[in-house]
Amino acid sequence: MLQHSNAPNTECLVKGDGGSIVEVRASKVITSGDELFNRYKSEEDENMPYHKFFTRFGFVPGVVEPVADLIAARSTIFFPQRAEI
């Protein structure tokens, strides 16, 4: 799995029937021992609601609160409003 960064060092290209192949390429010089980063979603991008992003990728960029606290507070990440679904 690639870590998230708003300044990634990789880019992903989806290929094949129905996106069955994902090709990962370096977008910057990567040296031995460097961690690989991908940008799953810009922290400023509001195109994908947070609850959908969380269920697909397991995290939400920019959100650092513990998951248990978000669930206890009924965060819209886990409890979307009707208009967001």
C-alpha atoms as a PDB file:
ATOM      1  CA  MET A   1       0.000   0.000   0.000  1.00  0.00           C
ATOM      2  CA  LEU A   2       1.215   3.481  -0.799  1.00  0.00           C
ATOM      3  CA  GLN A   3       1.051   6.182   1.858  1.00  0.00           C
ATOM      4  CA  HIS A   4      -0.972   9.343   1.178  1.00  0.00           C
ATOM      5  CA  SER A   5       0.695  12.682   0.489  1.00  0.00           C
ATOM      6  CA  ASN A   6      -0.453  15.900  -1.161  1.00  0.00           C
ATOM      7  CA  ALA A   7       3.045  15.947  -2.731  1.00  0.00           C
ATOM      8  CA  PRO A   8       3.366  12.324  -3.955  1.00  0.00           C
ATOM      9  CA  ASN A   9       6.418  10.782  -5.600  1.00  0.00           C
ATOM     10  CA  THR A  10       4.357   8.294  -7.647  1.00  0.00           C
ATOM     11  CA  GLU A  11       1.465   8.389 -10.077  1.00  0.00           C
ATOM     12  CA  CYS A  12      -1.029   5.629 -10.739  1.00  0.00           C
ATOM     13  CA  LEU A  13      -2.446   4.722 -14.125  1.00  0.00           C
ATOM     14  CA  VAL A  14      -5.527   2.484 -14.262  1.00  0.00           C
ATOM     15  CA  LYS A  15      -5.590   0.120 -17.224  1.00  0.00           C
ATOM     16  CA  GLY A  16      -7.337  -3.006 -18.415  1.00  0.00           C
ATOM     17  CA  ASP A  17     -10.975  -3.985 -18.603  1.00  0.00           C
ATOM     18  CA  GLY A  18     -12.826  -2.354 -15.739  1.00  0.00           C
ATOM     19  CA  GLY A  19      -9.627  -0.983 -14.235  1.00  0.00           C
ATOM     20  CA  SER A  20      -8.233  -4.423 -13.439  1.00  0.00           C
ATOM     21  CA  ILE A  21      -4.604  -3.257 -13.736  1.00  0.00           C
ATOM     22  CA  VAL A  22      -2.967  -0.431 -11.801  1.00  0.00           C
ATOM     23  CA  GLU A  23       0.453   0.709 -12.977  1.00  0.00           C
ATOM     24  CA  VAL A  24       2.498   2.719 -10.470  1.00  0.00           C
ATOM     25  CA  ARG A  25       5.245   4.971 -11.845  1.00  0.00           C
ATOM     26  CA  ALA A  26       7.718   7.307 -10.197  1.00  0.00           C
ATOM     27  CA  SER A  27       6.834  10.960 -10.716  1.00  0.00           C
ATOM     28  CA  LYS A  28      10.041  12.127  -9.009  1.00  0.00           C
ATOM     29  CA  VAL A  29      13.471  10.621  -8.430  1.00  0.00           C
ATOM     30  CA  ILE A  30      13.123   7.860  -5.837  1.00  0.00           C
ATOM     31  CA  THR A  31      16.221   6.466  -4.185  1.00  0.00           C
ATOM     32  CA  SER A  32      16.679   3.227  -2.288  1.00  0.00           C
ATOM     33  CA  GLY A  33      14.981   3.423   1.107  1.00  0.00           C
ATOM     34  CA  ASP A  34      12.573   6.253   0.151  1.00  0.00           C
ATOM     35  CA  GLU A  35       8.942   5.718   1.099  1.00  0.00           C
ATOM     36  CA  LEU A  36       6.435   5.677  -1.754  1.00  0.00           C
ATOM     37  CA  PHE A  37       3.601   8.190  -1.651  1.00  0.00           C
ATOM     38  CA  ASN A  38       0.398   8.507  -3.665  1.00  0.00           C
ATOM     39  CA  ARG A  39      -2.254  11.211  -3.583  1.00  0.00           C
ATOM     40  CA  TYR A  40      -5.568   9.439  -3.066  1.00  0.00           C
ATOM     41  CA  LYS A  41      -7.453  12.719  -2.756  1.00  0.00           C
ATOM     42  CA  SER A  42      -6.382  16.303  -2.343  1.00  0.00           C
ATOM     43  CA  GLU A  43      -7.212  17.595   1.112  1.00  0.00           C
ATOM     44  CA  GLU A  44      -8.938  20.520  -0.605  1.00  0.00           C
ATOM     45  CA  ASP A  45     -10.936  18.313  -3.002  1.00  0.00           C
ATOM     46  CA  GLU A  46     -14.584  17.929  -2.039  1.00  0.00           C
ATOM     47  CA  ASN A  47     -15.623  15.683  -4.958  1.00  0.00           C
ATOM     48  CA  MET A  48     -15.796  12.472  -2.924  1.00  0.00           C
ATOM     49  CA  PRO A  49     -17.665  12.639   0.397  1.00  0.00           C
ATOM     50  CA  TYR A  50     -15.451  11.678   3.342  1.00  0.00           C
ATOM     51  CA  HIS A  51     -17.547   8.632   4.318  1.00  0.00           C
ATOM     52  CA  LYS A  52     -17.113   7.133   0.845  1.00  0.00           C
ATOM     53  CA  PHE A  53     -13.398   7.925   0.851  1.00  0.00           C
ATOM     54  CA  PHE A  54     -12.996   6.252   4.254  1.00  0.00           C
ATOM     55  CA  THR A  55     -14.790   3.075   3.195  1.00  0.00           C
ATOM     56  CA  ARG A  56     -12.650   2.796   0.047  1.00  0.00           C
ATOM     57  CA  PHE A  57      -9.218   3.713   1.411  1.00  0.00           C
ATOM     58  CA  GLY A  58      -9.460   3.300   5.203  1.00  0.00           C
ATOM     59  CA  PHE A  59      -8.541   6.882   6.080  1.00  0.00           C
ATOM     60  CA  VAL A  60      -9.513  10.448   5.298  1.00  0.00           C
ATOM     61  CA  PRO A  61      -6.780  12.920   4.331  1.00  0.00           C
ATOM     62  CA  GLY A  62      -6.374  15.652   6.910  1.00  0.00           C
ATOM     63  CA  VAL A  63      -8.426  13.875   9.603  1.00  0.00           C
ATOM     64  CA  VAL A  64      -6.294  12.920  12.590  1.00  0.00           C
ATOM     65  CA  GLU A  65      -8.907  12.197  15.280  1.00  0.00           C
ATOM     66  CA  PRO A  66      -9.053   8.592  16.499  1.00  0.00           C
ATOM     67  CA  VAL A  67     -11.693   6.515  14.719  1.00  0.00           C
ATOM     68  CA  ALA A  68     -13.392   5.610  18.026  1.00  0.00           C
ATOM     69  CA  ASP A  69     -13.883   9.323  18.803  1.00  0.00           C
ATOM     70  CA  LEU A  70     -15.357   9.991  15.366  1.00  0.00           C
ATOM     71  CA  ILE A  71     -17.821   7.117  15.749  1.00  0.00           C
ATOM     72  CA  ALA A  72     -18.798   8.192  19.276  1.00  0.00           C
ATOM     73  CA  ALA A  73     -19.425  11.741  18.025  1.00  0.00           C
ATOM     74  CA  ARG A  74     -21.450  10.358  15.096  1.00  0.00           C
ATOM     75  CA  SER A  75     -19.133  12.065  12.623  1.00  0.00           C
ATOM     76  CA  THR A  76     -20.499  12.436   9.092  1.00  0.00           C
ATOM     77  CA  ILE A  77     -17.508  10.388   7.956  1.00  0.00           C
ATOM     78  CA  PHE A  78     -19.362   7.348   9.305  1.00  0.00           C
ATOM     79  CA  PHE A  79     -22.900   8.711   9.549  1.00  0.00           C
ATOM     80  CA  PRO A  80     -23.501  10.687   6.332  1.00  0.00           C
ATOM     81  CA  GLN A  81     -26.396  13.055   5.970  1.00  0.00           C
ATOM     82  CA  ARG A  82     -29.067  11.960   3.497  1.00  0.00           C
ATOM     83  CA  ALA A  83     -27.997  14.571   0.903  1.00  0.00           C
ATOM     84  CA  GLU A  84     -24.437  13.168   0.898  1.00  0.00           C
ATOM     85  CA  ILE A  85     -25.444   9.592   0.029  1.00  0.00           C
END
